[in-house]
Amino acid sequence: MKENTRELVLNMLLAITEENEFSHILIRDVLNKYNYWESKDKNFVKRLTEGTLERMIQIDYVLNKFSKVPVNKMKSLIRNLLRMSVYQILFMDGVPDSAACNEAVKLAGKRGFRNLQGYVNGVLRNIVRQKEEIGWPDKKREPLRYLSVLYSMPEWLVQKWLDELGKETTESILAGMLSIRPVTVRLRSDLNEEQVENWLKELEATGVKAEVHPYLSYAYELHNVSGVQNLPGFSDGIFMVQDVSSMLVTEAAGIKPGDFLLDVCAAPGGKTLHSAERAAKVQARDLSVSKTDYIRENVARMKAGNVEVEEHDARIKDKTMIGKADVLFADLPCSGLGIIGKKRDIKNKITAADLETVAELQREILSVVWEYVKPGGTLIYSTCTINRTENEEMMEWFTGQFPFQTEAFERAPGGMLQLLPGKDPTDGFFICRLRRIDGADS
C-alpha cells in the first residue's frame, strides 16, 4: 500500500464533511489525478472513502460507545481519522487491525496531534478487542434506531420511508443501498453484433466481467472496474455510463424518428444521447457552463451529430421554444434519495427542510417548461429520488394546474413508475409520462 493512501483519504473526508465538497466529484478527480497508481491502491482509496461515508452513522454509534469524548465534540481531523480507522477494523477484512491502529496513530502525530496519539490508540484498540460484542440497538424495542444504526441512515429519513412505504419495503431499500452495485453502461444502438462481441472480448481481456442487464438488452453491468475512462471502447464512444433507470426515461418517451426533443436539465447527457439515437433533433440545456461543457464532451465522444447544447436557466421562460417540442424531458433537480448508494454523502447532509425547498424549485421549473410541449406532445418527468412529495404528489399537483394527463407506458400502466433499490436492479428513480391535452384529442 502506498504510504500516503490513508492520508489522502483523510484529506478527502475532511473536504467532504467539513467543506461540503461533493464526494462523487472529489473521488473521481482524485483518482484521475493518481491514475498512474496501481489498481489496488486506487481501489483502497475509493473503498475506504466511500465506505466511511456510507457507514458514518453506524461508525459514530460505535465511537460514542468507546470514546469518552462524543463524536460531535472531537477535533474534525481526529473525528475523521477515527471514522476511517473504524471502517477498516469493522468492514475491511483485508486490512489487519494492527495496521489500521498503527497507521492512525502515525497520522495523528504527522498532522500535529502528538498529544492525542495515546487517545487514538486507546479508542481503536478497545474497539478491536470488543468488536464482536458491540451492543447494537434492539430490533424489537427500538426498531427505528435499529434501522438507522445498522443501515447507517438518518432516523428522520427512515421514519419517512416507514410512513410512506412500510417496514418491509423500507428495510429492503436500506439493504439495497448498502449493496455493491456494478457499473452500468449503455451501448450505442448502431453497433452490430460483431462489434459488440469484440468489445466484450476486449473487456474480458482486462479482467472486467460484463453481464446483460435483466431489464434492457443493450445495457451491461460491468464488474471489477477500476476507472471507466481506461476501459476498451470508452474513448471511441462505444458506450455511455448510465443507470438503467435513466435509460427507461427514453424507453418511456415513445420517441418517433422525426421528433424534436428538448431536455431542459440535461447534464451529464445520458438521456440526451440516448434519445438522440431515436429523435431527429435534440436540444440539451442546463444551468451552468461547467454542466454544458460536460454534456458537449459526451456528445463529441459519442459522436452524436444531431444534438445542440445550450446554457439556459430552466426557470426563465424561452418564448421562442413555446409549442416546439414533440417530447420534453424534465429530469429535474431533486433530493437524490434514490442514489444514496452512489453518492454516499447525500444522507449525511440532507435535511427534511431541503425536501420542501427542492419541491418548490421543481414546481417553479414545471410552471415554465410545460408550454414548450406541443399540443398532443409528451412530457417525461423524472427524478432520482424516493419521496412522494417530489414524485407522485408533484404529478398530482402538475396535472391539476396544467393541461396534461398521465399516459401509460411499458412497466407503468398508470403512467408512473417508482424504481426502488433492493427491489429493482437500478437506482431509486421515478418516471411519469404525460401528454398535453389542450388542442389535442384527449
Protein backbone atom coordinates (compact mmCIF):
# COMPACT_ATOMS: atom_id res chain seq x y z
CA MET A 1 0.00 0.00 0.00
CA LYS A 2 1.36 3.42 -0.90
CA GLU A 3 2.46 5.33 2.17
CA ASN A 4 0.14 8.29 1.57
CA THR A 5 -3.10 6.49 0.66
CA ARG A 6 -4.62 6.84 4.14
CA GLU A 7 -3.63 10.48 4.40
CA LEU A 8 -5.21 11.09 1.01
CA VAL A 9 -8.44 9.51 2.26
CA LEU A 10 -8.29 11.63 5.42
CA ASN A 11 -7.92 14.81 3.35
CA MET A 12 -10.87 13.79 1.18
CA LEU A 13 -13.08 13.06 4.18
CA LEU A 14 -12.22 16.46 5.67
CA ALA A 15 -13.08 18.19 2.39
CA ILE A 16 -16.39 16.32 2.14
CA THR A 17 -17.56 16.55 5.77
CA GLU A 18 -16.14 19.94 6.74
CA GLU A 19 -16.04 21.88 3.46
CA ASN A 20 -19.14 20.37 1.77
CA GLU A 21 -17.28 19.04 -1.27
CA PHE A 22 -19.33 16.57 -3.34
CA SER A 23 -17.95 13.10 -2.69
CA HIS A 24 -18.52 11.61 -6.14
CA ILE A 25 -16.82 14.55 -7.88
CA LEU A 26 -13.89 14.71 -5.44
CA ILE A 27 -13.27 10.95 -5.57
CA ARG A 28 -13.42 10.98 -9.38
CA ASP A 29 -10.98 13.91 -9.63
CA VAL A 30 -8.52 12.45 -7.12
CA LEU A 31 -8.48 9.05 -8.81
CA ASN A 32 -7.94 10.72 -12.18
CA LYS A 33 -5.01 12.66 -10.68
CA TYR A 34 -3.45 9.44 -9.38
CA ASN A 35 -4.43 7.34 -12.37
CA TYR A 36 -0.82 6.10 -12.63
CA TRP A 37 -1.18 4.26 -9.31
CA GLU A 38 -1.73 0.52 -9.27
CA SER A 39 -5.37 -0.60 -9.23
CA LYS A 40 -5.09 -1.98 -5.69
CA ASP A 41 -4.07 1.43 -4.33
CA LYS A 42 -6.81 3.30 -6.21
CA ASN A 43 -9.38 0.71 -5.13
CA PHE A 44 -8.26 1.06 -1.50
CA VAL A 45 -8.68 4.85 -1.59
CA LYS A 46 -12.10 4.60 -3.24
CA ARG A 47 -13.38 1.84 -0.97
CA LEU A 48 -12.18 3.49 2.26
CA THR A 49 -13.53 6.94 1.36
CA GLU A 50 -16.90 5.74 0.10
CA GLY A 51 -17.26 3.13 2.83
CA THR A 52 -16.55 5.59 5.65
CA LEU A 53 -19.16 7.99 4.28
CA GLU A 54 -21.65 5.18 3.70
CA ARG A 55 -21.32 3.75 7.23
CA MET A 56 -20.79 7.05 9.07
CA ILE A 57 -23.87 6.87 11.30
CA GLN A 58 -23.02 3.31 12.31
CA ILE A 59 -19.36 4.22 12.87
CA ASP A 60 -20.29 7.24 15.00
CA TYR A 61 -22.54 5.00 17.10
CA VAL A 62 -19.54 2.72 17.76
CA LEU A 63 -17.20 5.60 18.53
CA ASN A 64 -19.68 7.09 21.01
CA LYS A 65 -19.71 3.76 22.85
CA PHE A 66 -15.92 3.57 23.15
CA SER A 67 -14.81 7.19 23.40
CA LYS A 68 -15.21 9.45 26.43
CA VAL A 69 -15.30 12.38 24.00
CA PRO A 70 -18.54 12.37 21.92
CA VAL A 71 -18.03 12.36 18.16
CA ASN A 72 -19.53 15.83 17.74
CA LYS A 73 -17.05 17.26 20.28
CA MET A 74 -13.92 15.82 18.63
CA LYS A 75 -11.46 17.83 16.56
CA SER A 76 -12.54 17.43 12.93
CA LEU A 77 -9.27 15.76 11.88
CA ILE A 78 -9.36 13.29 14.78
CA ARG A 79 -13.06 12.59 14.17
CA ASN A 80 -12.48 11.67 10.53
CA LEU A 81 -9.26 9.79 11.29
CA LEU A 82 -11.11 7.62 13.82
CA ARG A 83 -14.03 7.11 11.43
CA MET A 84 -11.87 5.81 8.59
CA SER A 85 -9.93 3.61 11.04
CA VAL A 86 -13.10 2.08 12.49
CA TYR A 87 -14.31 1.37 8.96
CA GLN A 88 -11.12 -0.59 8.29
CA ILE A 89 -11.50 -2.52 11.55
CA LEU A 90 -15.18 -3.41 11.08
CA PHE A 91 -15.61 -3.71 7.32
CA MET A 92 -12.27 -4.34 5.58
CA ASP A 93 -11.20 -7.92 6.26
CA GLY A 94 -8.10 -7.50 4.12
CA VAL A 95 -6.67 -4.84 6.44
CA PRO A 96 -5.04 -6.16 9.65
CA ASP A 97 -6.48 -4.49 12.75
CA SER A 98 -2.95 -3.66 13.88
CA ALA A 99 -2.29 -1.78 10.63
CA ALA A 100 -5.49 0.26 10.99
CA CYS A 101 -4.50 1.25 14.55
CA ASN A 102 -0.81 1.88 13.92
CA GLU A 103 -1.34 3.95 10.79
CA ALA A 104 -3.98 6.08 12.56
CA VAL A 105 -1.57 6.81 15.41
CA LYS A 106 1.17 7.76 12.94
CA LEU A 107 -1.19 10.04 11.02
CA ALA A 108 -2.35 11.77 14.20
CA GLY A 109 1.26 12.61 15.02
CA LYS A 110 2.13 13.64 11.49
CA ARG A 111 -0.81 16.06 11.40
CA GLY A 112 0.15 17.83 14.62
CA PHE A 113 -1.80 15.84 17.22
CA ARG A 114 1.00 14.02 19.08
CA ASN A 115 -0.78 14.77 22.35
CA LEU A 116 -3.78 12.73 21.11
CA GLN A 117 -1.88 9.71 19.79
CA GLY A 118 -2.50 7.78 23.02
CA TYR A 119 -6.20 8.62 22.88
CA VAL A 120 -6.48 7.48 19.25
CA ASN A 121 -4.62 4.26 20.02
CA GLY A 122 -6.72 3.53 23.12
CA VAL A 123 -10.09 4.02 21.42
CA LEU A 124 -9.17 1.91 18.41
CA ARG A 125 -7.54 -0.91 20.44
CA ASN A 126 -10.67 -1.15 22.61
CA ILE A 127 -12.86 -1.43 19.52
CA VAL A 128 -10.58 -4.15 18.11
CA ARG A 129 -10.82 -6.15 21.36
CA GLN A 130 -14.59 -5.86 21.61
CA LYS A 131 -15.75 -5.62 18.00
CA GLU A 132 -17.61 -8.94 18.23
CA GLU A 133 -19.50 -7.73 21.30
CA ILE A 134 -20.75 -4.29 20.23
CA GLY A 135 -24.23 -3.77 21.62
CA TRP A 136 -26.43 -2.70 18.71
CA PRO A 137 -29.93 -1.21 19.22
CA ASP A 138 -32.58 -3.88 19.83
CA LYS A 139 -34.69 -4.51 16.72
CA LYS A 140 -37.91 -5.06 18.66
CA ARG A 141 -37.56 -2.44 21.39
CA GLU A 142 -36.01 0.29 19.23
CA PRO A 143 -36.96 -0.54 15.63
CA LEU A 144 -36.33 2.98 14.29
CA ARG A 145 -32.92 3.33 15.93
CA TYR A 146 -32.04 -0.22 14.90
CA LEU A 147 -32.72 0.51 11.21
CA SER A 148 -30.96 3.87 11.42
CA VAL A 149 -27.77 2.49 13.00
CA LEU A 150 -27.48 -0.87 11.25
CA TYR A 151 -28.16 0.61 7.81
CA SER A 152 -26.48 3.94 8.60
CA MET A 153 -29.40 6.16 7.59
CA PRO A 154 -30.73 9.25 9.42
CA GLU A 155 -33.69 8.43 11.66
CA TRP A 156 -35.93 11.09 10.11
CA LEU A 157 -35.43 9.59 6.66
CA VAL A 158 -36.01 6.03 7.86
CA GLN A 159 -39.23 7.21 9.54
CA LYS A 160 -40.37 8.96 6.35
CA TRP A 161 -39.98 5.76 4.32
CA LEU A 162 -41.63 3.68 7.05
CA ASP A 163 -44.64 6.01 6.89
CA GLU A 164 -44.82 6.04 3.09
CA LEU A 165 -43.70 2.53 2.16
CA GLY A 166 -43.96 0.29 5.20
CA LYS A 167 -41.37 -1.68 7.17
CA GLU A 168 -40.61 -4.49 4.71
CA THR A 169 -40.07 -2.21 1.71
CA THR A 170 -38.08 0.29 3.77
CA GLU A 171 -35.66 -2.34 5.06
CA SER A 172 -35.31 -3.71 1.53
CA ILE A 173 -34.41 -0.22 0.25
CA LEU A 174 -31.91 0.32 3.07
CA ALA A 175 -30.22 -3.01 2.38
CA GLY A 176 -30.22 -2.33 -1.35
CA MET A 177 -28.45 0.98 -0.85
CA LEU A 178 -25.62 -0.73 1.01
CA SER A 179 -25.19 -3.49 -1.56
CA ILE A 180 -22.35 -3.28 -4.06
CA ARG A 181 -23.68 -2.29 -7.47
CA PRO A 182 -21.75 -2.84 -10.69
CA VAL A 183 -21.06 -0.06 -13.19
CA THR A 184 -23.89 0.06 -15.73
CA VAL A 185 -23.33 1.18 -19.31
CA ARG A 186 -25.49 1.67 -22.39
CA LEU A 187 -24.11 0.57 -25.76
CA ARG A 188 -24.61 2.76 -28.81
CA SER A 189 -27.52 1.44 -30.86
CA ASP A 190 -25.66 1.45 -34.20
CA LEU A 191 -23.18 -1.23 -33.13
CA ASN A 192 -23.54 -4.52 -34.94
CA GLU A 193 -23.32 -7.94 -33.30
CA GLU A 194 -19.68 -8.43 -34.28
CA GLN A 195 -18.66 -5.07 -32.79
CA VAL A 196 -20.41 -5.91 -29.52
CA GLU A 197 -18.71 -9.31 -29.36
CA ASN A 198 -15.29 -7.76 -29.98
CA TRP A 199 -15.90 -5.19 -27.25
CA LEU A 200 -16.92 -7.92 -24.80
CA LYS A 201 -13.73 -9.88 -25.60
CA GLU A 202 -11.59 -6.77 -25.05
CA LEU A 203 -13.28 -6.19 -21.68
CA GLU A 204 -12.71 -9.78 -20.65
CA ALA A 205 -9.02 -9.46 -21.51
CA THR A 206 -8.71 -6.61 -18.99
CA GLY A 207 -10.36 -8.68 -16.23
CA VAL A 208 -13.74 -6.95 -16.43
CA LYS A 209 -16.81 -9.18 -16.36
CA ALA A 210 -19.82 -7.96 -18.37
CA GLU A 211 -23.41 -9.17 -17.99
CA VAL A 212 -26.52 -8.12 -19.89
CA HIS A 213 -28.87 -6.20 -17.59
CA PRO A 214 -32.14 -8.03 -16.88
CA TYR A 215 -34.26 -5.02 -17.94
CA LEU A 216 -32.66 -3.92 -21.24
CA SER A 217 -30.66 -5.94 -23.77
CA TYR A 218 -28.39 -3.03 -24.73
CA ALA A 219 -27.41 -2.33 -21.12
CA TYR A 220 -24.48 -4.13 -19.48
CA GLU A 221 -23.40 -4.45 -15.87
CA LEU A 222 -19.62 -4.32 -15.54
CA HIS A 223 -17.83 -5.94 -12.60
CA ASN A 224 -14.20 -5.45 -11.45
CA VAL A 225 -13.95 -1.97 -12.95
CA SER A 226 -11.26 0.41 -11.71
CA GLY A 227 -11.56 3.53 -13.83
CA VAL A 228 -14.21 3.76 -16.56
CA GLN A 229 -12.08 6.00 -18.78
CA ASN A 230 -9.49 3.24 -19.08
CA LEU A 231 -11.98 0.69 -20.39
CA PRO A 232 -11.87 -0.50 -24.02
CA GLY A 233 -14.32 1.48 -26.13
CA PHE A 234 -14.66 4.50 -23.85
CA SER A 235 -12.63 6.94 -25.95
CA ASP A 236 -14.28 5.57 -29.11
CA GLY A 237 -17.76 6.35 -27.80
CA ILE A 238 -18.92 2.74 -27.84
CA PHE A 239 -20.75 3.15 -24.54
CA MET A 240 -22.12 5.69 -22.09
CA VAL A 241 -22.05 5.15 -18.34
CA GLN A 242 -25.73 5.37 -17.41
CA ASP A 243 -28.01 3.64 -14.95
CA VAL A 244 -30.85 1.60 -16.44
CA SER A 245 -33.35 3.72 -14.52
CA SER A 246 -32.18 6.67 -16.62
CA MET A 247 -32.37 4.62 -19.83
CA LEU A 248 -36.01 3.82 -19.05
CA VAL A 249 -36.81 7.54 -19.42
CA THR A 250 -36.10 7.29 -23.16
CA GLU A 251 -37.94 3.97 -23.33
CA ALA A 252 -41.00 5.61 -21.72
CA ALA A 253 -41.00 8.56 -24.11
CA GLY A 254 -42.12 6.72 -27.24
CA ILE A 255 -39.88 8.88 -29.45
CA LYS A 256 -40.62 8.81 -33.19
CA PRO A 257 -37.93 9.27 -35.89
CA GLY A 258 -38.97 12.82 -36.85
CA ASP A 259 -39.37 14.17 -33.33
CA PHE A 260 -37.72 17.23 -31.84
CA LEU A 261 -36.79 16.60 -28.20
CA LEU A 262 -35.93 19.23 -25.62
CA ASP A 263 -34.05 18.18 -22.48
CA VAL A 264 -34.26 21.11 -20.04
CA CYS A 265 -31.93 19.82 -17.28
CA ALA A 266 -29.68 17.57 -19.32
CA ALA A 267 -26.26 17.19 -17.62
CA PRO A 268 -24.32 14.94 -17.85
CA GLY A 269 -26.19 14.00 -21.02
CA GLY A 270 -27.07 10.32 -20.70
CA LYS A 271 -30.75 10.73 -21.55
CA THR A 272 -29.93 13.34 -24.18
CA LEU A 273 -27.60 10.99 -26.03
CA HIS A 274 -29.91 8.00 -25.64
CA SER A 275 -32.83 9.93 -27.09
CA ALA A 276 -30.64 11.34 -29.89
CA GLU A 277 -30.39 7.82 -31.30
CA ARG A 278 -34.18 7.88 -31.83
CA ALA A 279 -35.16 11.53 -32.43
CA ALA A 280 -34.45 13.78 -35.43
CA LYS A 281 -33.00 16.55 -33.30
CA VAL A 282 -32.29 17.08 -29.62
CA GLN A 283 -31.57 20.29 -27.77
CA ALA A 284 -29.88 19.79 -24.40
CA ARG A 285 -29.90 22.60 -21.86
CA ASP A 286 -28.50 23.14 -18.40
CA LEU A 287 -27.79 25.93 -15.97
CA SER A 288 -24.01 26.40 -15.97
CA VAL A 289 -21.06 26.42 -18.34
CA SER A 290 -19.44 23.55 -16.42
CA LYS A 291 -22.54 21.40 -16.93
CA THR A 292 -22.99 22.22 -20.61
CA ASP A 293 -19.29 21.66 -21.24
CA TYR A 294 -19.65 18.21 -19.68
CA ILE A 295 -22.58 17.47 -22.00
CA ARG A 296 -20.57 18.65 -25.01
CA GLU A 297 -17.68 16.34 -24.06
CA ASN A 298 -20.04 13.37 -24.02
CA VAL A 299 -21.76 14.45 -27.24
CA ALA A 300 -18.39 14.62 -29.00
CA ARG A 301 -17.18 11.30 -27.58
CA MET A 302 -20.43 9.53 -28.52
CA LYS A 303 -20.40 11.15 -31.99
CA ALA A 304 -23.97 12.49 -31.77
CA GLY A 305 -24.36 14.87 -34.68
CA ASN A 306 -27.99 15.81 -34.04
CA VAL A 307 -27.54 17.29 -30.54
CA GLU A 308 -27.41 21.00 -29.85
CA VAL A 309 -26.20 22.11 -26.40
CA GLU A 310 -27.20 25.40 -24.82
CA GLU A 311 -26.73 27.09 -21.46
CA HIS A 312 -30.12 28.13 -20.10
CA ASP A 313 -31.82 28.54 -16.73
CA ALA A 314 -34.95 26.35 -16.86
CA ARG A 315 -36.76 28.79 -14.54
CA ILE A 316 -36.65 31.50 -17.21
CA LYS A 317 -39.24 31.23 -19.98
CA ASP A 318 -37.89 31.00 -23.53
CA LYS A 319 -40.70 32.35 -25.71
CA THR A 320 -39.03 31.05 -28.87
CA MET A 321 -39.48 27.48 -27.64
CA ILE A 322 -43.22 27.61 -26.85
CA GLY A 323 -45.11 24.76 -28.54
CA LYS A 324 -41.99 23.42 -30.30
CA ALA A 325 -41.15 20.14 -28.51
CA ASP A 326 -42.66 16.83 -29.59
CA VAL A 327 -41.06 15.39 -26.45
CA LEU A 328 -39.75 17.23 -23.40
CA PHE A 329 -37.54 15.70 -20.74
CA ALA A 330 -37.89 17.31 -17.32
CA ASP A 331 -35.38 15.36 -15.25
CA LEU A 332 -35.38 17.99 -12.56
CA PRO A 333 -33.08 18.80 -9.64
CA CYS A 334 -34.18 16.63 -6.73
CA SER A 335 -33.20 15.43 -3.27
CA GLY A 336 -31.27 12.48 -4.76
CA LEU A 337 -32.53 10.00 -2.17
CA GLY A 338 -32.58 7.24 -4.78
CA ILE A 339 -28.85 7.46 -5.50
CA ILE A 340 -27.55 7.45 -1.93
CA GLY A 341 -25.90 4.12 -2.79
CA LYS A 342 -23.65 6.02 -5.25
CA LYS A 343 -23.42 9.46 -3.66
CA ARG A 344 -22.95 8.48 -0.04
CA ASP A 345 -22.67 11.96 1.41
CA ILE A 346 -26.26 12.87 0.47
CA LYS A 347 -27.71 11.17 3.55
CA ASN A 348 -25.22 12.87 5.86
CA LYS A 349 -26.04 16.36 4.59
CA ILE A 350 -29.69 16.49 3.56
CA THR A 351 -32.43 17.69 5.93
CA ALA A 352 -36.22 17.39 5.93
CA ALA A 353 -36.41 21.11 5.09
CA ASP A 354 -34.32 20.50 1.96
CA LEU A 355 -37.04 18.24 0.56
CA GLU A 356 -39.58 21.06 0.51
CA THR A 357 -37.04 23.52 -0.89
CA VAL A 358 -36.28 21.28 -3.86
CA ALA A 359 -40.01 20.59 -4.40
CA GLU A 360 -40.58 24.35 -4.68
CA LEU A 361 -37.85 24.53 -7.33
CA GLN A 362 -39.47 21.66 -9.25
CA ARG A 363 -42.84 23.43 -9.24
CA GLU A 364 -41.15 26.63 -10.42
CA ILE A 365 -39.49 24.88 -13.37
CA LEU A 366 -42.56 22.86 -14.36
CA SER A 367 -44.65 26.06 -14.34
CA VAL A 368 -42.36 27.37 -17.10
CA VAL A 369 -41.35 24.42 -19.27
CA TRP A 370 -44.78 22.84 -19.83
CA GLU A 371 -45.53 25.43 -22.52
CA TYR A 372 -42.66 24.13 -24.67
CA VAL A 373 -44.61 20.91 -25.33
CA LYS A 374 -46.74 20.80 -28.47
CA PRO A 375 -50.48 20.09 -28.00
CA GLY A 376 -50.63 16.30 -28.08
CA GLY A 377 -46.92 16.13 -27.27
CA THR A 378 -45.20 14.19 -24.47
CA LEU A 379 -43.58 15.40 -21.26
CA ILE A 380 -41.47 12.96 -19.28
CA TYR A 381 -40.97 13.99 -15.67
CA SER A 382 -38.29 12.11 -13.75
CA THR A 383 -36.27 12.30 -10.55
CA CYS A 384 -33.61 10.16 -8.90
CA THR A 385 -35.40 10.16 -5.56
CA ILE A 386 -37.78 8.19 -3.35
CA ASN A 387 -40.11 10.84 -1.97
CA ARG A 388 -43.83 11.16 -2.62
CA THR A 389 -43.67 14.96 -2.33
CA GLU A 390 -41.30 15.18 -5.29
CA ASN A 391 -42.85 12.34 -7.25
CA GLU A 392 -46.49 11.20 -7.06
CA GLU A 393 -47.73 14.31 -5.24
CA MET A 394 -45.81 16.55 -7.64
CA MET A 395 -47.59 14.93 -10.57
CA GLU A 396 -50.97 15.28 -8.85
CA TRP A 397 -50.24 18.99 -8.45
CA PHE A 398 -48.98 19.36 -12.04
CA THR A 399 -51.93 17.68 -13.73
CA GLY A 400 -54.27 19.76 -11.55
CA GLN A 401 -52.62 23.01 -12.66
CA PHE A 402 -51.77 22.44 -16.34
CA PRO A 403 -53.34 20.71 -19.38
CA PHE A 404 -51.65 17.34 -19.04
CA GLN A 405 -52.75 13.82 -18.19
CA THR A 406 -50.70 10.79 -17.28
CA GLU A 407 -50.28 8.18 -20.00
CA ALA A 408 -49.40 4.51 -19.68
CA PHE A 409 -46.07 3.12 -20.82
CA GLU A 410 -44.31 -0.23 -20.52
CA ARG A 411 -43.85 -1.18 -16.84
CA ALA A 412 -46.27 1.59 -15.80
CA PRO A 413 -49.95 1.02 -16.66
CA GLY A 414 -50.85 4.04 -14.54
CA GLY A 415 -48.27 6.27 -16.19
CA MET A 416 -45.99 6.48 -13.13
CA LEU A 417 -43.10 4.20 -12.21
CA GLN A 418 -41.15 4.19 -8.93
CA LEU A 419 -37.98 2.09 -9.03
CA LEU A 420 -36.54 1.02 -5.68
CA PRO A 421 -33.08 -0.29 -4.68
CA GLY A 422 -33.44 -3.73 -3.15
CA LYS A 423 -36.44 -4.43 -5.39
CA ASP A 424 -35.09 -3.29 -8.77
CA PRO A 425 -31.50 -3.71 -10.07
CA THR A 426 -31.34 0.06 -10.56
CA ASP A 427 -31.05 3.34 -8.71
CA GLY A 428 -34.09 4.66 -6.88
CA PHE A 429 -35.85 6.55 -9.66
CA PHE A 430 -39.27 7.96 -10.58
CA ILE A 431 -40.66 8.34 -14.11
CA CYS A 432 -44.00 9.80 -15.20
CA ARG A 433 -45.22 10.08 -18.79
CA LEU A 434 -47.68 12.89 -19.51
CA ARG A 435 -49.49 14.05 -22.64
CA ARG A 436 -50.53 17.64 -23.33
CA ILE A 437 -54.26 17.54 -23.92
CA ASP A 438 -55.34 21.11 -24.80
CA GLY A 439 -55.82 21.44 -28.54
CA ALA A 440 -55.41 17.69 -28.95
CA ASP A 441 -57.61 14.64 -28.72
CA SER A 442 -57.83 13.65 -25.06
